[in-house]
C-alpha atoms as a PDB file:
ATOM      1  CA  UNK A   1      33.114  -5.070  -9.577  1.00  0.00           C
ATOM      2  CA  UNK A   2      34.860  -7.524  -7.600  1.00  0.00           C
ATOM      3  CA  UNK A   3      35.309  -6.906  -3.820  1.00  0.00           C
ATOM      4  CA  UNK A   4      38.544  -4.944  -3.215  1.00  0.00           C
ATOM      5  CA  UNK A   5      40.190  -5.549   0.034  1.00  0.00           C
ATOM      6  CA  UNK A   6      42.514  -2.625  -0.377  1.00  0.00           C
ATOM      7  CA  UNK A   7      41.845   0.164  -2.824  1.00  0.00           C
ATOM      8  CA  UNK A   8      44.448   3.091  -3.494  1.00  0.00           C
ATOM      9  CA  UNK A   9      43.719   6.480  -4.695  1.00  0.00           C
ATOM     10  CA  UNK A  10      45.280   5.692  -8.053  1.00  0.00           C
ATOM     11  CA  UNK A  11      43.000   2.870  -8.584  1.00  0.00           C
ATOM     12  CA  UNK A  12      40.064   5.231  -8.038  1.00  0.00           C
ATOM     13  CA  UNK A  13      40.801   6.911 -11.198  1.00  0.00           C
ATOM     14  CA  UNK A  14      40.286   3.704 -13.137  1.00  0.00           C
ATOM     15  CA  UNK A  15      37.011   2.782 -11.751  1.00  0.00           C
ATOM     16  CA  UNK A  16      33.975   2.682 -14.166  1.00  0.00           C
ATOM     17  CA  UNK A  17      30.758   4.481 -13.438  1.00  0.00           C
ATOM     18  CA  UNK A  18      29.134   1.502 -11.935  1.00  0.00           C
ATOM     19  CA  UNK A  19      32.215   0.528  -9.876  1.00  0.00           C
ATOM     20  CA  UNK A  20      32.232   4.120  -8.561  1.00  0.00           C
ATOM     21  CA  UNK A  21      28.596   3.905  -7.429  1.00  0.00           C
ATOM     22  CA  UNK A  22      29.396   0.633  -5.715  1.00  0.00           C
ATOM     23  CA  UNK A  23      32.367   1.918  -4.065  1.00  0.00           C
ATOM     24  CA  UNK A  24      30.458   5.060  -2.972  1.00  0.00           C
ATOM     25  CA  UNK A  25      27.660   2.856  -1.349  1.00  0.00           C
ATOM     26  CA  UNK A  26      30.431   0.845   0.534  1.00  0.00           C
ATOM     27  CA  UNK A  27      32.227   3.817   2.012  1.00  0.00           C
ATOM     28  CA  UNK A  28      29.139   6.068   2.658  1.00  0.00           C
ATOM     29  CA  UNK A  29      26.577   3.362   3.509  1.00  0.00           C
ATOM     30  CA  UNK A  30      24.140   5.068   1.042  1.00  0.00           C
ATOM     31  CA  UNK A  31      23.321   4.857  -2.683  1.00  0.00           C
ATOM     32  CA  UNK A  32      25.581   7.137  -4.854  1.00  0.00           C
ATOM     33  CA  UNK A  33      23.887  10.491  -5.789  1.00  0.00           C
ATOM     34  CA  UNK A  34      23.290  11.063  -9.384  1.00  0.00           C
ATOM     35  CA  UNK A  35      26.419  13.225 -10.046  1.00  0.00           C
ATOM     36  CA  UNK A  36      29.316  13.190 -12.490  1.00  0.00           C
ATOM     37  CA  UNK A  37      31.904  10.322 -12.219  1.00  0.00           C
ATOM     38  CA  UNK A  38      34.508  13.026 -11.455  1.00  0.00           C
ATOM     39  CA  UNK A  39      32.569  14.395  -8.473  1.00  0.00           C
ATOM     40  CA  UNK A  40      31.945  10.738  -7.259  1.00  0.00           C
ATOM     41  CA  UNK A  41      35.713  10.008  -7.523  1.00  0.00           C
ATOM     42  CA  UNK A  42      36.308  13.136  -5.469  1.00  0.00           C
ATOM     43  CA  UNK A  43      33.768  12.286  -2.685  1.00  0.00           C
ATOM     44  CA  UNK A  44      35.176   8.702  -2.652  1.00  0.00           C
ATOM     45  CA  UNK A  45      38.833  10.117  -2.404  1.00  0.00           C
ATOM     46  CA  UNK A  46      37.702  12.448   0.434  1.00  0.00           C
ATOM     47  CA  UNK A  47      36.134   9.594   2.397  1.00  0.00           C
ATOM     48  CA  UNK A  48      39.259   7.466   1.764  1.00  0.00           C
ATOM     49  CA  UNK A  49      41.462  10.202   3.219  1.00  0.00           C
ATOM     50  CA  UNK A  50      39.200  10.672   6.144  1.00  0.00           C
ATOM     51  CA  UNK A  51      39.249   7.165   7.051  1.00  0.00           C
ATOM     52  CA  UNK A  52      43.123   6.838   6.836  1.00  0.00           C
ATOM     53  CA  UNK A  53      44.054  10.380   8.379  1.00  0.00           C
ATOM     54  CA  UNK A  54      40.979  11.264  10.450  1.00  0.00           C
ATOM     55  CA  UNK A  55      38.060  13.487   9.996  1.00  0.00           C
ATOM     56  CA  UNK A  56      38.109  17.410  10.286  1.00  0.00           C
ATOM     57  CA  UNK A  57      38.404  18.633  13.885  1.00  0.00           C
ATOM     58  CA  UNK A  58      35.652  20.355  15.477  1.00  0.00           C
ATOM     59  CA  UNK A  59      37.171  23.848  15.235  1.00  0.00           C
ATOM     60  CA  UNK A  60      37.796  23.391  11.472  1.00  0.00           C
ATOM     61  CA  UNK A  61      34.082  22.436  10.992  1.00  0.00           C
ATOM     62  CA  UNK A  62      32.809  25.482  12.821  1.00  0.00           C
ATOM     63  CA  UNK A  63      35.161  27.692  10.710  1.00  0.00           C
ATOM     64  CA  UNK A  64      33.973  26.241   7.575  1.00  0.00           C
ATOM     65  CA  UNK A  65      30.464  26.516   8.651  1.00  0.00           C
ATOM     66  CA  UNK A  66      30.965  30.266   9.096  1.00  0.00           C
ATOM     67  CA  UNK A  67      32.488  30.747   5.728  1.00  0.00           C
END
């Protein structure tokens, strides 16, 4: 995979398995877990959204932890 300076959500759908693993490592700073490509895509898309729009607030994280 060539280095992407800007990746869109639409492009995530077109990534191969090895490209997904590389993108996961780039975004999370850790090797990709051994999960399905679809789950890798969802995790990358979540991190993409989190980086663009901000992470969950403290109260939301607490609410989710209680659920």
